[in-house]
N, C-alpha and C. Protein backbone atom coordinates (compact mmCIF):
# COMPACT_ATOMS: atom_id res chain seq x y z
N UNK A 1 0.67 -1.02 -0.30
CA UNK A 1 -0.03 -0.34 0.17
C UNK A 1 0.76 1.03 0.06
N UNK A 2 1.83 1.03 0.91
CA UNK A 2 2.84 2.35 1.24
C UNK A 2 3.67 2.61 -0.21
N UNK A 3 3.82 1.60 -1.29
CA UNK A 3 4.47 1.70 -2.21
C UNK A 3 3.64 2.54 -3.38
N UNK A 4 1.92 2.11 -3.58
CA UNK A 4 1.19 2.93 -4.37
C UNK A 4 1.30 4.09 -3.75
N UNK A 5 0.99 4.58 -2.37
CA UNK A 5 1.19 6.03 -2.19
C UNK A 5 2.45 6.59 -2.97
N UNK A 6 3.55 6.05 -2.77
CA UNK A 6 4.97 6.58 -3.09
C UNK A 6 4.85 7.24 -4.82
N UNK A 7 3.85 6.34 -5.50
CA UNK A 7 3.91 6.32 -6.61
C UNK A 7 3.00 7.54 -6.97
N UNK A 8 2.05 7.53 -6.61
CA UNK A 8 1.24 8.99 -6.65
C UNK A 8 1.61 10.00 -6.37
N UNK A 9 2.32 10.35 -5.26
CA UNK A 9 3.01 11.24 -4.69
C UNK A 9 4.16 12.21 -5.34
N UNK A 10 4.78 10.91 -6.07
CA UNK A 10 6.34 11.11 -6.37
C UNK A 10 7.40 10.36 -5.49
N UNK A 11 8.21 9.77 -6.03
CA UNK A 11 9.09 8.86 -4.22
C UNK A 11 9.46 10.15 -3.49
N UNK A 12 10.65 11.30 -4.16
CA UNK A 12 10.67 11.91 -3.26
C UNK A 12 9.93 12.94 -2.27
N UNK A 13 8.77 13.13 -2.98
CA UNK A 13 7.75 13.80 -1.96
C UNK A 13 7.06 12.74 -0.53
N UNK A 14 7.31 11.84 -1.13
CA UNK A 14 6.64 10.89 0.40
C UNK A 14 7.86 10.05 1.34
N UNK A 15 9.01 10.31 1.25
CA UNK A 15 10.02 10.28 1.82
C UNK A 15 9.37 10.91 3.74
N UNK A 16 9.12 12.14 3.58
CA UNK A 16 9.03 12.32 5.21
C UNK A 16 7.83 11.05 5.65
N UNK A 17 6.82 11.32 4.90
CA UNK A 17 5.74 10.53 5.24
C UNK A 17 5.96 8.92 5.81
N UNK A 18 7.16 8.64 4.56
CA UNK A 18 7.86 6.90 5.32
C UNK A 18 8.94 7.15 5.66
N UNK A 19 9.39 8.10 6.74
CA UNK A 19 9.88 8.02 7.23
C UNK A 19 9.02 7.85 8.77
N UNK A 20 8.39 8.67 8.91
CA UNK A 20 7.49 9.18 10.21
C UNK A 20 6.53 7.88 10.17
N UNK A 21 6.17 7.16 9.30
CA UNK A 21 5.42 5.75 9.89
C UNK A 21 6.74 4.78 9.98
N UNK A 22 8.22 5.11 9.67
CA UNK A 22 9.19 3.91 10.07
C UNK A 22 9.43 4.08 11.23
N UNK A 23 9.55 4.93 11.49
CA UNK A 23 9.61 5.34 12.98
C UNK A 23 8.39 5.42 14.38
N UNK A 24 7.54 5.60 13.85
CA UNK A 24 6.37 5.81 14.84
C UNK A 24 5.07 4.68 14.53
N UNK A 25 5.31 4.46 13.30
CA UNK A 25 3.62 3.26 13.29
C UNK A 25 3.82 1.90 14.21
N UNK A 26 2.49 2.02 14.78
CA UNK A 26 3.02 0.47 15.67
C UNK A 26 2.21 -0.37 14.92
N UNK A 27 1.90 -0.62 13.68
CA UNK A 27 1.69 -1.75 12.58
C UNK A 27 3.03 -2.44 12.23
N UNK A 28 3.64 -3.52 12.26
CA UNK A 28 4.99 -4.15 11.52
C UNK A 28 4.61 -3.84 10.32
N UNK A 29 3.62 -4.08 9.80
CA UNK A 29 3.17 -4.45 8.67
C UNK A 29 3.33 -2.62 7.35
N UNK A 30 2.97 -2.09 8.14
CA UNK A 30 3.08 -0.64 7.67
C UNK A 30 5.18 -0.36 8.08
N UNK A 31 5.46 -0.58 8.92
CA UNK A 31 6.52 -0.64 9.21
C UNK A 31 7.77 -1.09 7.88
N UNK A 32 7.12 -2.41 7.73
CA UNK A 32 7.89 -3.16 7.07
C UNK A 32 7.73 -2.22 5.30
N UNK A 33 6.58 -1.90 5.00
CA UNK A 33 6.50 -1.11 3.70
C UNK A 33 7.31 0.03 3.56
N UNK A 34 7.20 0.32 4.76
CA UNK A 34 7.88 1.78 4.36
C UNK A 34 9.55 1.70 4.40
N UNK A 35 9.88 0.65 5.06
CA UNK A 35 11.20 0.41 4.79
C UNK A 35 11.33 -0.33 3.34
N UNK A 36 10.73 -1.50 2.71
CA UNK A 36 11.35 -1.39 1.49
C UNK A 36 10.79 -0.04 0.38
N UNK A 37 9.87 0.81 1.18
CA UNK A 37 9.72 1.85 0.05
C UNK A 37 10.91 2.93 -0.11
N UNK A 38 11.34 3.50 1.36
CA UNK A 38 12.49 3.54 1.28
C UNK A 38 14.01 3.27 0.80
N UNK A 39 14.09 2.11 0.83
CA UNK A 39 15.09 1.07 -0.02
C UNK A 39 15.01 1.36 -1.53
N UNK A 40 13.77 0.90 -1.95
CA UNK A 40 13.60 1.57 -3.27
C UNK A 40 13.89 2.96 -3.79
N UNK A 41 13.27 3.82 -3.10
CA UNK A 41 13.50 5.71 -3.14
C UNK A 41 15.03 5.80 -3.47
N UNK A 42 15.70 5.39 -2.92
CA UNK A 42 17.16 5.54 -2.70
C UNK A 42 17.70 6.55 -2.92
N UNK A 43 17.11 7.63 -2.19
CA UNK A 43 17.15 9.06 -2.07
C UNK A 43 18.39 9.26 -1.18
N UNK A 44 19.78 10.00 -1.12
CA UNK A 44 20.44 9.98 0.73
C UNK A 44 19.33 9.65 1.82
N UNK A 45 18.66 11.34 2.01
CA UNK A 45 17.67 11.19 2.62
C UNK A 45 16.97 9.58 3.12
N UNK A 46 16.41 9.01 2.27
CA UNK A 46 15.84 8.00 2.36
C UNK A 46 16.42 6.59 2.58
N UNK A 47 17.85 6.57 2.48
CA UNK A 47 18.77 5.16 2.61
C UNK A 47 19.42 5.56 3.79
N UNK A 48 19.34 6.76 4.59
CA UNK A 48 19.89 7.11 5.68
C UNK A 48 18.56 6.69 6.52
N UNK A 49 17.73 6.84 6.71
CA UNK A 49 16.06 6.55 7.15
C UNK A 49 16.54 5.27 7.73
N UNK A 50 16.48 4.45 6.45
CA UNK A 50 16.75 2.82 6.07
C UNK A 50 17.24 2.33 6.55
N UNK A 51 18.92 2.53 6.46
CA UNK A 51 20.18 2.33 7.13
C UNK A 51 20.17 2.55 8.94
N UNK A 52 19.14 3.39 9.08
CA UNK A 52 19.49 4.39 10.74
C UNK A 52 18.03 3.09 11.52
N UNK A 53 17.66 2.87 10.58
CA UNK A 53 16.08 1.80 11.02
C UNK A 53 16.38 0.50 12.16
N UNK A 54 15.96 0.20 13.02
CA UNK A 54 16.01 -0.83 13.65
C UNK A 54 15.07 -2.32 13.17
N UNK A 55 14.46 -1.64 11.84
CA UNK A 55 13.49 -2.85 11.21
C UNK A 55 14.44 -2.72 10.07
N UNK A 56 14.28 -4.67 9.57
CA UNK A 56 14.85 -4.83 8.29
C UNK A 56 14.14 -5.65 7.71
N UNK A 57 14.30 -5.98 6.53
CA UNK A 57 13.71 -6.95 5.56
C UNK A 57 13.36 -8.19 5.73
């Protein structure tokens, strides 16, 4: 679902929302989706959030 949102927003515009979801969402599936989307986006900000996260795919 988050991957679909990133396509609609444009990947770079979605990074802040994905970082927020990764860091604060209560549901593991949302955090997992955010992690995957950030890894696919691949901008420096996205990759930093991805690598700093305690969650792994």
